[in-house]
Amino acid sequence: MTETTGYFVDWGGNARSTDTPGGGYRCEVDMVARYVAVMSKKGVLIHEGTFYKTLDDLAKAGIKAPLVDESVPW
């Protein structure tokens, strides 16, 4: 696992991994700001989210989002 491995919530209310967000997208993570930028292949900002290191951290924040894998469409 890299330092930026973690989770964020997409616009559909699903939890996604920063390593494999799906949709052909990639994530850029700012650990200090706890910020996730979801980028297209061409570098266009598609979505912004809050970075959570673990699924437990997401739950502690009161977020009930099902974890989906990269095959689930945005």
N, C-alpha and C. Protein backbone atom coordinates (compact mmCIF):
# COMPACT_ATOMS: atom_id res chain seq x y z
N MET A 1 0.83 -1.19 0.00
CA MET A 1 0.00 0.00 0.00
C MET A 1 0.87 1.25 0.00
N THR A 2 0.46 2.20 -0.78
CA THR A 2 1.19 3.46 -0.79
C THR A 2 0.64 4.37 0.29
N GLU A 3 1.34 5.44 0.53
CA GLU A 3 0.91 6.41 1.55
C GLU A 3 -0.45 7.02 1.21
N THR A 4 -0.76 7.12 -0.08
CA THR A 4 -2.00 7.76 -0.51
C THR A 4 -3.14 6.75 -0.70
N THR A 5 -2.94 5.51 -0.31
CA THR A 5 -4.00 4.52 -0.40
C THR A 5 -5.05 4.82 0.65
N GLY A 6 -6.29 4.89 0.22
CA GLY A 6 -7.38 5.19 1.13
C GLY A 6 -8.69 5.16 0.38
N TYR A 7 -9.66 5.94 0.87
CA TYR A 7 -11.02 5.90 0.34
C TYR A 7 -11.61 7.29 0.27
N PHE A 8 -12.62 7.42 -0.57
CA PHE A 8 -13.40 8.65 -0.70
C PHE A 8 -14.81 8.26 -1.12
N VAL A 9 -15.74 9.19 -1.04
CA VAL A 9 -17.12 8.93 -1.43
C VAL A 9 -17.38 9.60 -2.77
N ASP A 10 -17.92 8.83 -3.73
CA ASP A 10 -18.22 9.38 -5.05
C ASP A 10 -19.57 10.10 -5.04
N TRP A 11 -19.98 10.66 -6.17
CA TRP A 11 -21.21 11.45 -6.22
C TRP A 11 -22.46 10.59 -6.11
N GLY A 12 -22.31 9.26 -6.20
CA GLY A 12 -23.45 8.36 -6.03
C GLY A 12 -23.59 7.84 -4.61
N GLY A 13 -22.70 8.29 -3.71
CA GLY A 13 -22.76 7.86 -2.33
C GLY A 13 -22.03 6.56 -2.05
N ASN A 14 -21.20 6.12 -2.99
CA ASN A 14 -20.42 4.90 -2.82
C ASN A 14 -19.01 5.22 -2.35
N ALA A 15 -18.45 4.34 -1.54
CA ALA A 15 -17.05 4.47 -1.15
C ALA A 15 -16.20 3.81 -2.23
N ARG A 16 -15.12 4.48 -2.60
CA ARG A 16 -14.20 3.96 -3.62
C ARG A 16 -12.78 4.07 -3.13
N SER A 17 -11.94 3.18 -3.63
CA SER A 17 -10.53 3.20 -3.30
C SER A 17 -9.81 4.27 -4.12
N THR A 18 -8.87 4.95 -3.52
CA THR A 18 -8.08 5.93 -4.26
C THR A 18 -7.14 5.25 -5.26
N ASP A 19 -6.84 3.98 -5.03
CA ASP A 19 -5.96 3.24 -5.95
C ASP A 19 -6.69 2.82 -7.21
N THR A 20 -7.96 2.47 -7.09
CA THR A 20 -8.73 1.98 -8.23
C THR A 20 -10.14 2.59 -8.22
N PRO A 21 -10.26 3.87 -8.59
CA PRO A 21 -11.57 4.53 -8.52
C PRO A 21 -12.55 4.09 -9.61
N GLY A 22 -12.06 3.48 -10.68
CA GLY A 22 -12.92 3.06 -11.78
C GLY A 22 -13.19 4.17 -12.77
N GLY A 23 -13.92 3.84 -13.82
CA GLY A 23 -14.29 4.82 -14.83
C GLY A 23 -13.13 5.34 -15.65
N GLY A 24 -11.98 4.68 -15.56
CA GLY A 24 -10.80 5.17 -16.26
C GLY A 24 -10.18 6.37 -15.59
N TYR A 25 -10.61 6.68 -14.37
CA TYR A 25 -10.11 7.83 -13.64
C TYR A 25 -8.92 7.46 -12.76
N ARG A 26 -8.22 8.48 -12.28
CA ARG A 26 -7.12 8.30 -11.33
C ARG A 26 -7.28 9.35 -10.24
N CYS A 27 -6.70 9.07 -9.08
CA CYS A 27 -6.83 9.99 -7.95
C CYS A 27 -5.50 10.65 -7.63
N GLU A 28 -5.59 11.93 -7.30
CA GLU A 28 -4.47 12.67 -6.74
C GLU A 28 -4.89 13.02 -5.31
N VAL A 29 -4.02 12.68 -4.35
CA VAL A 29 -4.36 12.83 -2.95
C VAL A 29 -3.44 13.84 -2.26
N ASP A 30 -4.04 14.75 -1.51
CA ASP A 30 -3.30 15.67 -0.65
C ASP A 30 -3.55 15.20 0.77
N MET A 31 -2.54 14.55 1.36
CA MET A 31 -2.68 13.95 2.68
C MET A 31 -2.91 15.00 3.77
N VAL A 32 -2.25 16.14 3.66
CA VAL A 32 -2.37 17.18 4.68
C VAL A 32 -3.80 17.74 4.69
N ALA A 33 -4.33 18.03 3.53
CA ALA A 33 -5.67 18.61 3.43
C ALA A 33 -6.77 17.55 3.47
N ARG A 34 -6.38 16.27 3.42
CA ARG A 34 -7.34 15.15 3.34
C ARG A 34 -8.26 15.34 2.14
N TYR A 35 -7.66 15.64 0.99
CA TYR A 35 -8.39 15.98 -0.23
C TYR A 35 -8.08 14.97 -1.32
N VAL A 36 -9.12 14.55 -2.04
CA VAL A 36 -8.97 13.66 -3.18
C VAL A 36 -9.48 14.37 -4.42
N ALA A 37 -8.65 14.44 -5.44
CA ALA A 37 -9.06 14.96 -6.74
C ALA A 37 -9.12 13.78 -7.70
N VAL A 38 -10.29 13.54 -8.26
CA VAL A 38 -10.46 12.46 -9.23
C VAL A 38 -10.29 13.08 -10.61
N MET A 39 -9.31 12.56 -11.35
CA MET A 39 -8.93 13.15 -12.63
C MET A 39 -9.22 12.19 -13.79
N SER A 40 -9.57 12.76 -14.94
CA SER A 40 -9.75 11.97 -16.15
C SER A 40 -8.38 11.62 -16.73
N LYS A 41 -8.38 10.80 -17.76
CA LYS A 41 -7.13 10.43 -18.43
C LYS A 41 -6.41 11.65 -19.00
N LYS A 42 -7.17 12.68 -19.36
CA LYS A 42 -6.59 13.89 -19.94
C LYS A 42 -6.25 14.95 -18.89
N GLY A 43 -6.48 14.62 -17.61
CA GLY A 43 -6.13 15.55 -16.54
C GLY A 43 -7.20 16.53 -16.14
N VAL A 44 -8.44 16.27 -16.54
CA VAL A 44 -9.55 17.14 -16.18
C VAL A 44 -10.10 16.70 -14.82
N LEU A 45 -10.35 17.66 -13.93
CA LEU A 45 -10.92 17.36 -12.63
C LEU A 45 -12.37 16.91 -12.81
N ILE A 46 -12.66 15.71 -12.35
CA ILE A 46 -14.00 15.12 -12.50
C ILE A 46 -14.80 15.19 -11.20
N HIS A 47 -14.11 15.01 -10.07
CA HIS A 47 -14.80 14.93 -8.77
C HIS A 47 -13.81 15.28 -7.67
N GLU A 48 -14.32 15.86 -6.58
CA GLU A 48 -13.51 16.15 -5.41
C GLU A 48 -14.13 15.45 -4.21
N GLY A 49 -13.28 14.99 -3.30
CA GLY A 49 -13.79 14.31 -2.12
C GLY A 49 -12.85 14.43 -0.95
N THR A 50 -13.30 13.95 0.19
CA THR A 50 -12.50 13.92 1.40
C THR A 50 -11.79 12.58 1.48
N PHE A 51 -10.52 12.60 1.84
CA PHE A 51 -9.71 11.39 1.96
C PHE A 51 -9.89 10.75 3.33
N TYR A 52 -10.13 9.46 3.33
CA TYR A 52 -10.20 8.66 4.56
C TYR A 52 -9.19 7.53 4.44
N LYS A 53 -8.31 7.40 5.41
CA LYS A 53 -7.24 6.40 5.37
C LYS A 53 -7.79 4.98 5.39
N THR A 54 -8.84 4.74 6.20
CA THR A 54 -9.42 3.40 6.31
C THR A 54 -10.94 3.48 6.22
N LEU A 55 -11.56 2.33 6.01
CA LEU A 55 -13.02 2.28 6.01
C LEU A 55 -13.57 2.57 7.40
N ASP A 56 -12.81 2.22 8.44
CA ASP A 56 -13.21 2.54 9.80
C ASP A 56 -13.26 4.06 10.01
N ASP A 57 -12.30 4.78 9.43
CA ASP A 57 -12.30 6.25 9.53
C ASP A 57 -13.55 6.83 8.88
N LEU A 58 -13.95 6.24 7.77
CA LEU A 58 -15.16 6.68 7.07
C LEU A 58 -16.38 6.45 7.96
N ALA A 59 -16.46 5.29 8.59
CA ALA A 59 -17.58 4.97 9.48
C ALA A 59 -17.59 5.86 10.72
N LYS A 60 -16.40 6.16 11.26
CA LYS A 60 -16.31 7.04 12.43
C LYS A 60 -16.82 8.44 12.12
N ALA A 61 -16.74 8.85 10.84
CA ALA A 61 -17.24 10.15 10.42
C ALA A 61 -18.76 10.14 10.22
N GLY A 62 -19.37 8.97 10.47
CA GLY A 62 -20.82 8.86 10.34
C GLY A 62 -21.29 8.59 8.92
N ILE A 63 -20.39 8.19 8.06
CA ILE A 63 -20.74 7.95 6.66
C ILE A 63 -21.01 6.47 6.45
N LYS A 64 -22.18 6.17 5.91
CA LYS A 64 -22.56 4.80 5.61
C LYS A 64 -22.60 4.65 4.10
N ALA A 65 -21.45 4.38 3.53
CA ALA A 65 -21.32 4.26 2.07
C ALA A 65 -20.82 2.86 1.74
N PRO A 66 -21.52 2.15 0.86
CA PRO A 66 -21.05 0.82 0.50
C PRO A 66 -19.78 0.91 -0.33
N LEU A 67 -18.83 0.04 -0.06
CA LEU A 67 -17.59 0.00 -0.83
C LEU A 67 -17.86 -0.70 -2.15
N VAL A 68 -17.52 -0.05 -3.25
CA VAL A 68 -17.68 -0.65 -4.58
C VAL A 68 -16.31 -0.76 -5.23
N ASP A 69 -16.20 -1.71 -6.16
CA ASP A 69 -14.92 -1.84 -6.86
C ASP A 69 -14.95 -1.03 -8.16
N GLU A 70 -13.85 -1.08 -8.87
CA GLU A 70 -13.70 -0.25 -10.07
C GLU A 70 -14.64 -0.62 -11.21
N SER A 71 -15.26 -1.80 -11.15
CA SER A 71 -16.17 -2.23 -12.22
C SER A 71 -17.53 -1.54 -12.14
N VAL A 72 -17.85 -0.95 -10.98
CA VAL A 72 -19.14 -0.27 -10.82
C VAL A 72 -19.07 1.10 -11.50
N PRO A 73 -19.99 1.36 -12.45
CA PRO A 73 -19.93 2.65 -13.15
C PRO A 73 -20.24 3.82 -12.24
N TRP A 74 -19.68 4.94 -12.60
CA TRP A 74 -19.94 6.20 -11.89
C TRP A 74 -21.30 6.61 -12.27
